[in-house]
Amino acid sequence: MALQHNKPSDRSLITRIKDIPEALLENRITAFAGLGAAAAGLLPDPFKAAYWIIFPVFILLCIFGTWYKLREKHKYLETMIAIPIAIRIANKADANDALKSLFQAIEVQNNLKNHAENLAKYLHIDLADLKFEYGSDNEDIFNTERLQRFLTVLKYGMTQLQRRAPKATFCIGCIGPTSVAIAIGTMLAHTRIMIFHFDSTLKQYIPIIETSRHLKENVAKFEKFEIKALNPAGDPLNLDFDGNISERNIAESVAGTNTGKVTLAIDVSAHKINIEDSSIRTWGDRIYMRSIGNGTIAQGEDWSQYCREIFKVLNTIQQQYSDPEIRLVYSMPVALGLALGIATQNYWNVMLTNYDKGTYRELLRLDKIELNY
């Protein structure tokens, strides 16, 4: 999945002409051609005639080398170049390894060479600018004040990168809990993002969601999830034929409990959520989205469809409950959590939770995340 897309140039013809001397002098091909021409000029007299035969070859090499360097610079200044971002949260993994893997994937998919070197040369973006790390274990994320500060630093860092590379597509690999990935996603809704997932079978990062692919687009039917909805007493809430939660039954549930509290449990993993856990059962209505099949996302599946279906349920709850308080619990890939955050943003009263010591602890409320810097 290539990540570059040509766009009309914003740079003037004069600026492009000024690039020619640098491109001529600072590349290996023209340097080789120049050395070759100089060496050929030292040939003994009997071989002088051969010099004029091979001299045009050196001229062509200089032209090709200059064109190659100009084309390379054009990629970084005038197209949507792919820039990797490694985010490590409450995990002991090495962000350098993640960043290296992302660079390798981008170079292969976009026919790039020396990508890190060229980012530093043309866009003044160093490796240190592409890593964001916070904490080493689960308890670190429950220090919410410190976590909020990290999110602010991340937002600021991403803003700075956008200023240096306004046409970039940021290729994000996120390591850590899904809860924080959702929070991070809310900050990236207006940024060109390609989300990468680490495939443990292939042992490499692969692109799975491009955020321009309408993550909020309505779906006619549910293809990825089966849905079960229960009121606080454990009685089922009926679903209509296309998977929308029945307005009549939700109204009855809300009227019966005098609450707009809803837990949405999302299961896209081999590890299943216990919807009978006391932290879920006592909250209010329970809506359980369980992925169809073996519980995991198969290679080659459309990850965006999972996000669209989750967003549809969230949007339905928002419309059909009166002033709802939504609590999210989940067992799903971090990359999908990042996409979900991009779709939902931070407008709704949605409480993120994180599984910890056998229960689901409250972490952050999306509409209360502060990112001022």
Protein backbone atom coordinates (compact mmCIF):
# COMPACT_ATOMS: atom_id res chain seq x y z
CA MET A 1 0.00 0.00 0.00
CA ALA A 2 1.96 3.01 -1.27
CA LEU A 3 1.71 6.13 0.83
CA GLN A 4 2.93 8.86 -1.51
CA HIS A 5 0.63 10.84 -3.76
CA ASN A 6 1.88 13.44 -6.18
CA LYS A 7 0.49 16.93 -5.79
CA PRO A 8 0.92 20.11 -7.81
CA SER A 9 4.20 21.81 -6.92
CA ASP A 10 4.17 24.76 -4.53
CA ARG A 11 7.78 25.65 -5.34
CA SER A 12 8.59 28.24 -7.98
CA LEU A 13 10.59 27.57 -11.15
CA ILE A 14 13.36 29.87 -9.87
CA THR A 15 13.63 27.80 -6.67
CA ARG A 16 13.86 24.62 -8.71
CA ILE A 17 16.63 26.10 -10.87
CA LYS A 18 18.55 27.08 -7.75
CA ASP A 19 18.46 23.42 -6.66
CA ILE A 20 20.47 22.32 -9.72
CA PRO A 21 24.01 23.27 -8.54
CA GLU A 22 23.48 21.46 -5.22
CA ALA A 23 22.10 18.40 -7.01
CA LEU A 24 25.04 18.46 -9.42
CA LEU A 25 27.70 18.69 -6.73
CA GLU A 26 26.25 16.59 -3.91
CA ASN A 27 25.66 13.14 -5.30
CA ARG A 28 27.75 10.07 -5.92
CA ILE A 29 26.83 9.60 -9.57
CA THR A 30 28.07 13.01 -10.71
CA ALA A 31 31.13 12.67 -8.46
CA PHE A 32 31.95 9.36 -10.15
CA ALA A 33 31.41 10.89 -13.59
CA GLY A 34 33.65 13.84 -12.75
CA LEU A 35 36.44 11.62 -11.46
CA GLY A 36 36.10 9.38 -14.49
CA ALA A 37 36.32 12.31 -16.86
CA ALA A 38 39.39 13.70 -15.04
CA ALA A 39 41.11 10.31 -15.08
CA ALA A 40 40.34 9.83 -18.75
CA GLY A 41 41.90 13.23 -19.46
CA LEU A 42 45.23 11.88 -18.15
CA LEU A 43 45.36 9.09 -20.70
CA PRO A 44 48.52 8.94 -22.87
CA ASP A 45 48.34 10.53 -26.33
CA PRO A 46 47.69 7.27 -28.20
CA PHE A 47 44.44 6.92 -26.25
CA LYS A 48 43.25 10.54 -26.53
CA ALA A 49 40.82 9.65 -29.31
CA ALA A 50 39.09 7.19 -26.97
CA TYR A 51 38.57 10.02 -24.49
CA TRP A 52 36.26 11.87 -26.87
CA ILE A 53 34.30 8.69 -27.42
CA ILE A 54 33.63 8.07 -23.70
CA PHE A 55 33.34 11.76 -22.73
CA PRO A 56 29.61 11.91 -23.70
CA VAL A 57 29.01 8.97 -21.34
CA PHE A 58 30.32 11.04 -18.44
CA ILE A 59 28.11 13.96 -19.49
CA LEU A 60 25.08 11.68 -19.54
CA LEU A 61 25.99 10.34 -16.10
CA CYS A 62 26.16 13.91 -14.76
CA ILE A 63 22.76 14.71 -16.23
CA PHE A 64 21.27 11.51 -14.83
CA GLY A 65 22.82 12.07 -11.40
CA THR A 66 21.52 15.64 -11.24
CA TRP A 67 18.04 14.54 -12.33
CA TYR A 68 18.04 11.75 -9.72
CA LYS A 69 18.92 14.15 -6.88
CA LEU A 70 16.34 16.71 -8.00
CA ARG A 71 13.72 13.96 -8.14
CA GLU A 72 14.70 12.80 -4.64
CA LYS A 73 14.39 16.32 -3.24
CA HIS A 74 11.03 16.69 -5.00
CA LYS A 75 9.77 13.61 -3.13
CA TYR A 76 10.51 15.16 0.23
CA LEU A 77 9.42 18.74 -0.44
CA GLU A 78 6.61 18.45 -2.95
CA THR A 79 4.76 15.18 -2.33
CA MET A 80 2.98 13.45 0.54
CA ILE A 81 6.05 11.73 1.90
CA ALA A 82 5.55 8.98 4.47
CA ILE A 83 7.02 9.72 7.91
CA PRO A 84 7.14 7.00 10.60
CA ILE A 85 6.11 7.69 14.20
CA ALA A 86 6.75 5.20 17.02
CA ILE A 87 4.65 5.67 20.18
CA ARG A 88 5.40 3.47 23.21
CA ILE A 89 3.11 3.63 26.24
CA ALA A 90 3.47 1.75 29.57
CA ASN A 91 5.56 -0.94 27.95
CA LYS A 92 9.18 -2.08 28.13
CA ALA A 93 9.49 -2.62 24.36
CA ASP A 94 12.23 -0.74 22.50
CA ALA A 95 10.78 2.14 20.48
CA ASN A 96 13.96 2.17 18.37
CA ASP A 97 13.16 -1.31 17.10
CA ALA A 98 9.63 -0.22 16.22
CA LEU A 99 10.90 2.84 14.40
CA LYS A 100 13.45 0.79 12.47
CA SER A 101 10.73 -1.65 11.39
CA LEU A 102 8.47 1.22 10.29
CA PHE A 103 11.29 2.74 8.24
CA GLN A 104 11.90 -0.60 6.52
CA ALA A 105 8.21 -1.02 5.68
CA ILE A 106 7.94 2.51 4.29
CA GLU A 107 11.07 2.19 2.16
CA VAL A 108 9.85 -1.05 0.60
CA GLN A 109 6.29 0.16 -0.05
CA ASN A 110 7.27 3.56 -1.38
CA ASN A 111 10.47 2.81 -3.27
CA LEU A 112 12.61 4.98 -1.01
CA LYS A 113 16.25 4.67 -0.01
CA ASN A 114 18.12 6.24 2.90
CA HIS A 115 14.79 7.54 4.18
CA ALA A 116 15.98 8.53 7.67
CA GLU A 117 19.00 10.35 6.22
CA ASN A 118 16.85 12.22 3.70
CA LEU A 119 14.26 13.25 6.30
CA ALA A 120 17.08 14.88 8.27
CA LYS A 121 18.61 16.45 5.16
CA TYR A 122 15.53 17.87 3.45
CA LEU A 123 12.99 18.28 6.26
CA HIS A 124 15.29 18.62 9.30
CA ILE A 125 13.51 15.75 11.05
CA ASP A 126 15.78 13.57 13.18
CA LEU A 127 15.09 10.13 14.66
CA ALA A 128 14.57 11.67 18.10
CA ASP A 129 11.65 13.67 16.66
CA LEU A 130 9.89 10.46 15.63
CA LYS A 131 9.74 8.67 19.01
CA PHE A 132 7.33 9.35 21.85
CA GLU A 133 7.63 7.25 25.00
CA TYR A 134 5.81 7.17 28.31
CA GLY A 135 6.07 4.82 31.27
CA SER A 136 7.11 1.19 31.48
CA ASP A 137 4.22 -0.61 33.20
CA ASN A 138 0.45 -0.55 33.54
CA GLU A 139 0.37 1.52 36.71
CA ASP A 140 2.00 4.48 34.94
CA ILE A 141 -1.12 5.19 32.89
CA PHE A 142 -3.28 5.61 36.01
CA ASN A 143 -1.22 8.65 36.95
CA THR A 144 -3.67 10.58 34.80
CA GLU A 145 -2.20 14.02 35.47
CA ARG A 146 1.18 12.88 34.19
CA LEU A 147 -0.45 10.99 31.33
CA GLN A 148 -2.30 14.16 30.29
CA ARG A 149 1.03 16.00 30.20
CA PHE A 150 2.48 13.31 27.96
CA LEU A 151 -0.50 13.59 25.59
CA THR A 152 0.12 17.34 25.46
CA VAL A 153 3.79 16.74 24.60
CA LEU A 154 2.75 14.25 21.90
CA LYS A 155 0.26 16.71 20.42
CA TYR A 156 2.89 19.45 20.40
CA GLY A 157 5.46 17.14 18.79
CA MET A 158 3.02 16.11 16.06
CA THR A 159 2.15 19.76 15.42
CA GLN A 160 5.83 20.60 14.98
CA LEU A 161 6.29 17.73 12.55
CA GLN A 162 3.29 18.91 10.54
CA ARG A 163 4.83 22.36 10.27
CA ARG A 164 8.07 20.94 8.93
CA ALA A 165 6.30 18.53 6.58
CA PRO A 166 2.79 19.88 5.85
CA LYS A 167 2.20 17.33 3.10
CA ALA A 168 3.36 14.32 5.09
CA THR A 169 1.41 11.16 5.77
CA PHE A 170 2.35 10.05 9.29
CA CYS A 171 2.74 6.29 9.60
CA ILE A 172 2.06 5.41 13.22
CA GLY A 173 3.03 2.29 15.08
CA CYS A 174 1.68 2.32 18.63
CA ILE A 175 2.83 0.01 21.44
CA GLY A 176 0.85 -0.14 24.66
CA PRO A 177 -2.70 -0.31 26.02
CA THR A 178 -5.67 0.21 23.72
CA SER A 179 -7.15 2.72 26.18
CA VAL A 180 -4.35 5.24 25.64
CA ALA A 181 -4.30 4.53 21.89
CA ILE A 182 -7.94 5.65 21.71
CA ALA A 183 -7.05 8.85 23.58
CA ILE A 184 -4.14 9.47 21.20
CA GLY A 185 -6.38 8.90 18.21
CA THR A 186 -8.71 11.73 19.27
CA MET A 187 -5.82 14.16 18.75
CA LEU A 188 -5.10 13.01 15.19
CA ALA A 189 -8.48 13.43 13.53
CA HIS A 190 -7.28 16.25 11.28
CA THR A 191 -3.92 14.74 10.40
CA ARG A 192 -3.03 12.48 7.45
CA ILE A 193 -2.45 9.15 9.15
CA MET A 194 -1.62 5.63 8.08
CA ILE A 195 -2.00 3.23 11.00
CA PHE A 196 0.41 0.29 11.17
CA HIS A 197 -0.15 -2.97 13.05
CA PHE A 198 2.64 -5.24 14.22
CA ASP A 199 1.98 -8.67 12.73
CA SER A 200 3.46 -11.19 15.16
CA THR A 201 3.45 -13.89 12.48
CA LEU A 202 5.34 -11.82 9.92
CA LYS A 203 7.31 -10.09 12.71
CA GLN A 204 6.95 -6.73 11.01
CA TYR A 205 4.70 -3.69 10.82
CA ILE A 206 2.06 -3.65 8.11
CA PRO A 207 -0.25 -0.77 7.08
CA ILE A 208 -3.87 -1.53 7.94
CA ILE A 209 -5.92 1.69 7.98
CA GLU A 210 -5.57 4.94 6.08
CA THR A 211 -7.66 7.47 7.97
CA SER A 212 -8.98 9.14 4.82
CA ARG A 213 -11.08 6.01 4.25
CA HIS A 214 -14.25 7.33 5.87
CA LEU A 215 -14.01 5.82 9.34
CA LYS A 216 -17.36 7.40 10.24
CA GLU A 217 -19.18 6.22 7.14
CA ASN A 218 -22.52 4.59 7.91
CA VAL A 219 -22.83 0.83 7.34
CA ALA A 220 -25.94 -0.86 5.97
CA LYS A 221 -25.38 -4.01 8.01
CA PHE A 222 -22.98 -5.47 10.52
CA GLU A 223 -20.42 -7.71 8.85
CA LYS A 224 -17.75 -7.95 11.53
CA PHE A 225 -19.70 -8.09 14.80
CA GLU A 226 -22.57 -9.85 16.45
CA ILE A 227 -24.26 -7.69 19.06
CA LYS A 228 -25.97 -8.53 22.32
CA ALA A 229 -27.64 -5.89 24.48
CA LEU A 230 -28.87 -6.31 28.06
CA ASN A 231 -30.56 -4.00 30.51
CA PRO A 232 -29.28 -3.83 34.12
CA ALA A 233 -31.54 -6.73 35.13
CA GLY A 234 -29.94 -8.93 32.49
CA ASP A 235 -32.97 -8.95 30.19
CA PRO A 236 -32.22 -8.65 26.47
CA LEU A 237 -32.77 -5.43 24.58
CA ASN A 238 -34.08 -6.32 21.14
CA LEU A 239 -32.13 -5.44 18.02
CA ASP A 240 -33.86 -4.61 14.76
CA PHE A 241 -33.05 -6.31 11.44
CA ASP A 242 -30.02 -4.23 10.45
CA GLY A 243 -28.32 -4.23 13.84
CA ASN A 244 -29.50 -0.83 15.05
CA ILE A 245 -30.44 -0.87 18.70
CA SER A 246 -34.21 -0.61 19.03
CA GLU A 247 -35.25 2.86 20.15
CA ARG A 248 -38.34 1.50 21.91
CA ASN A 249 -36.41 -1.02 23.98
CA ILE A 250 -33.71 1.46 24.91
CA ALA A 251 -36.36 3.95 25.97
CA GLU A 252 -37.91 1.27 28.19
CA SER A 253 -34.53 0.49 29.72
CA VAL A 254 -33.75 4.13 30.42
CA ALA A 255 -37.19 4.73 31.88
CA GLY A 256 -36.91 1.65 34.07
CA THR A 257 -33.55 2.60 35.57
CA ASN A 258 -33.74 6.38 35.38
CA THR A 259 -30.21 6.46 33.95
CA GLY A 260 -28.44 7.13 30.67
CA LYS A 261 -25.48 4.97 31.61
CA VAL A 262 -24.31 2.46 29.01
CA THR A 263 -21.32 0.15 28.89
CA LEU A 264 -20.15 -0.71 25.39
CA ALA A 265 -17.94 -3.81 25.45
CA ILE A 266 -15.95 -4.45 22.26
CA ASP A 267 -14.36 -7.85 21.74
CA VAL A 268 -11.90 -8.27 18.83
CA SER A 269 -9.42 -10.61 20.43
CA ALA A 270 -8.86 -14.16 21.58
CA HIS A 271 -9.07 -12.83 25.15
CA LYS A 272 -12.81 -12.37 25.84
CA ILE A 273 -14.40 -9.69 27.98
CA ASN A 274 -16.34 -10.82 31.04
CA ILE A 275 -19.51 -8.75 30.68
CA GLU A 276 -20.70 -10.12 34.04
CA ASP A 277 -17.80 -8.41 35.81
CA SER A 278 -19.15 -6.22 38.60
CA SER A 279 -17.51 -3.11 37.15
CA ILE A 280 -19.60 -3.65 33.99
CA ARG A 281 -22.79 -5.21 35.34
CA THR A 282 -23.49 -2.46 37.87
CA TRP A 283 -22.98 0.46 35.50
CA GLY A 284 -26.19 0.38 33.45
CA ASP A 285 -27.21 -1.14 30.14
CA ARG A 286 -24.65 -3.44 28.56
CA ILE A 287 -24.06 -3.62 24.82
CA TYR A 288 -21.63 -6.32 23.79
CA MET A 289 -20.00 -6.29 20.35
CA ARG A 290 -18.23 -9.57 19.69
CA SER A 291 -16.31 -10.11 16.47
CA ILE A 292 -17.58 -12.86 14.21
CA GLY A 293 -15.28 -15.79 13.55
CA ASN A 294 -12.37 -16.81 15.72
CA GLY A 295 -12.25 -13.45 17.50
CA THR A 296 -9.20 -12.00 15.79
CA ILE A 297 -8.74 -9.96 12.62
CA ALA A 298 -7.41 -12.11 9.81
CA GLN A 299 -4.63 -10.93 7.52
CA GLY A 300 -6.04 -8.97 4.59
CA GLU A 301 -9.32 -8.03 6.30
CA ASP A 302 -10.73 -4.51 6.08
CA TRP A 303 -9.89 -3.03 9.47
CA SER A 304 -11.80 0.15 8.60
CA GLN A 305 -15.05 -1.81 8.58
CA TYR A 306 -14.53 -2.81 12.21
CA CYS A 307 -14.09 0.85 13.10
CA ARG A 308 -17.17 1.93 11.14
CA GLU A 309 -19.37 -0.65 12.88
CA ILE A 310 -18.16 0.36 16.35
CA PHE A 311 -18.70 4.01 15.51
CA LYS A 312 -22.23 3.25 14.31
CA VAL A 313 -23.14 1.67 17.65
CA LEU A 314 -21.59 4.58 19.56
CA ASN A 315 -23.47 7.06 17.40
CA THR A 316 -26.73 5.13 17.86
CA ILE A 317 -26.30 5.20 21.65
CA GLN A 318 -25.60 8.91 21.49
CA GLN A 319 -28.77 9.56 19.50
CA GLN A 320 -31.17 7.25 21.30
CA TYR A 321 -30.24 7.78 24.94
CA SER A 322 -30.89 11.06 26.67
CA ASP A 323 -27.55 12.64 27.66
CA PRO A 324 -25.76 9.28 27.79
CA GLU A 325 -22.70 8.41 29.82
CA ILE A 326 -20.83 5.78 27.83
CA ARG A 327 -18.24 3.51 29.37
CA LEU A 328 -15.95 1.65 26.99
CA VAL A 329 -14.34 -1.69 27.74
CA TYR A 330 -12.45 -3.51 25.05
CA SER A 331 -10.24 -6.36 24.10
CA MET A 332 -8.88 -5.41 20.70
CA PRO A 333 -5.68 -4.53 18.84
CA VAL A 334 -3.99 -1.26 19.71
CA ALA A 335 -4.07 -0.18 16.06
CA LEU A 336 -7.87 -0.51 15.97
CA GLY A 337 -8.09 1.57 19.16
CA LEU A 338 -6.08 4.32 17.47
CA ALA A 339 -8.52 4.31 14.53
CA LEU A 340 -11.51 4.39 16.87
CA GLY A 341 -10.13 7.46 18.63
CA ILE A 342 -9.67 9.22 15.29
CA ALA A 343 -13.31 8.47 14.44
CA THR A 344 -14.88 9.46 17.76
CA GLN A 345 -12.66 12.48 18.55
CA ASN A 346 -13.34 14.06 21.94
CA TYR A 347 -16.89 15.44 21.79
CA TRP A 348 -18.84 12.73 23.63
CA ASN A 349 -19.05 11.76 27.28
CA VAL A 350 -17.09 8.53 26.83
CA MET A 351 -15.09 7.05 29.71
CA LEU A 352 -12.08 4.98 28.70
CA THR A 353 -11.23 2.05 30.95
CA ASN A 354 -8.19 -0.13 31.26
CA TYR A 355 -8.11 -3.75 32.38
CA ASP A 356 -6.07 -4.01 35.55
CA LYS A 357 -5.82 -6.68 38.24
CA GLY A 358 -8.95 -8.53 37.18
CA THR A 359 -11.27 -5.58 36.66
CA TYR A 360 -11.86 -2.59 34.38
CA ARG A 361 -10.60 0.64 35.94
CA GLU A 362 -11.69 4.07 34.74
CA LEU A 363 -8.92 6.02 33.07
CA LEU A 364 -9.83 9.11 31.03
CA ARG A 365 -13.01 10.75 29.80
CA LEU A 366 -12.65 11.71 26.14
CA ASP A 367 -14.38 15.07 26.38
CA LYS A 368 -12.20 16.03 29.36
CA ILE A 369 -8.80 15.44 27.82
CA GLU A 370 -6.84 18.69 27.98
CA LEU A 371 -4.17 19.34 25.36
CA ASN A 372 -3.26 22.99 25.87
CA TYR A 373 0.43 23.84 25.44
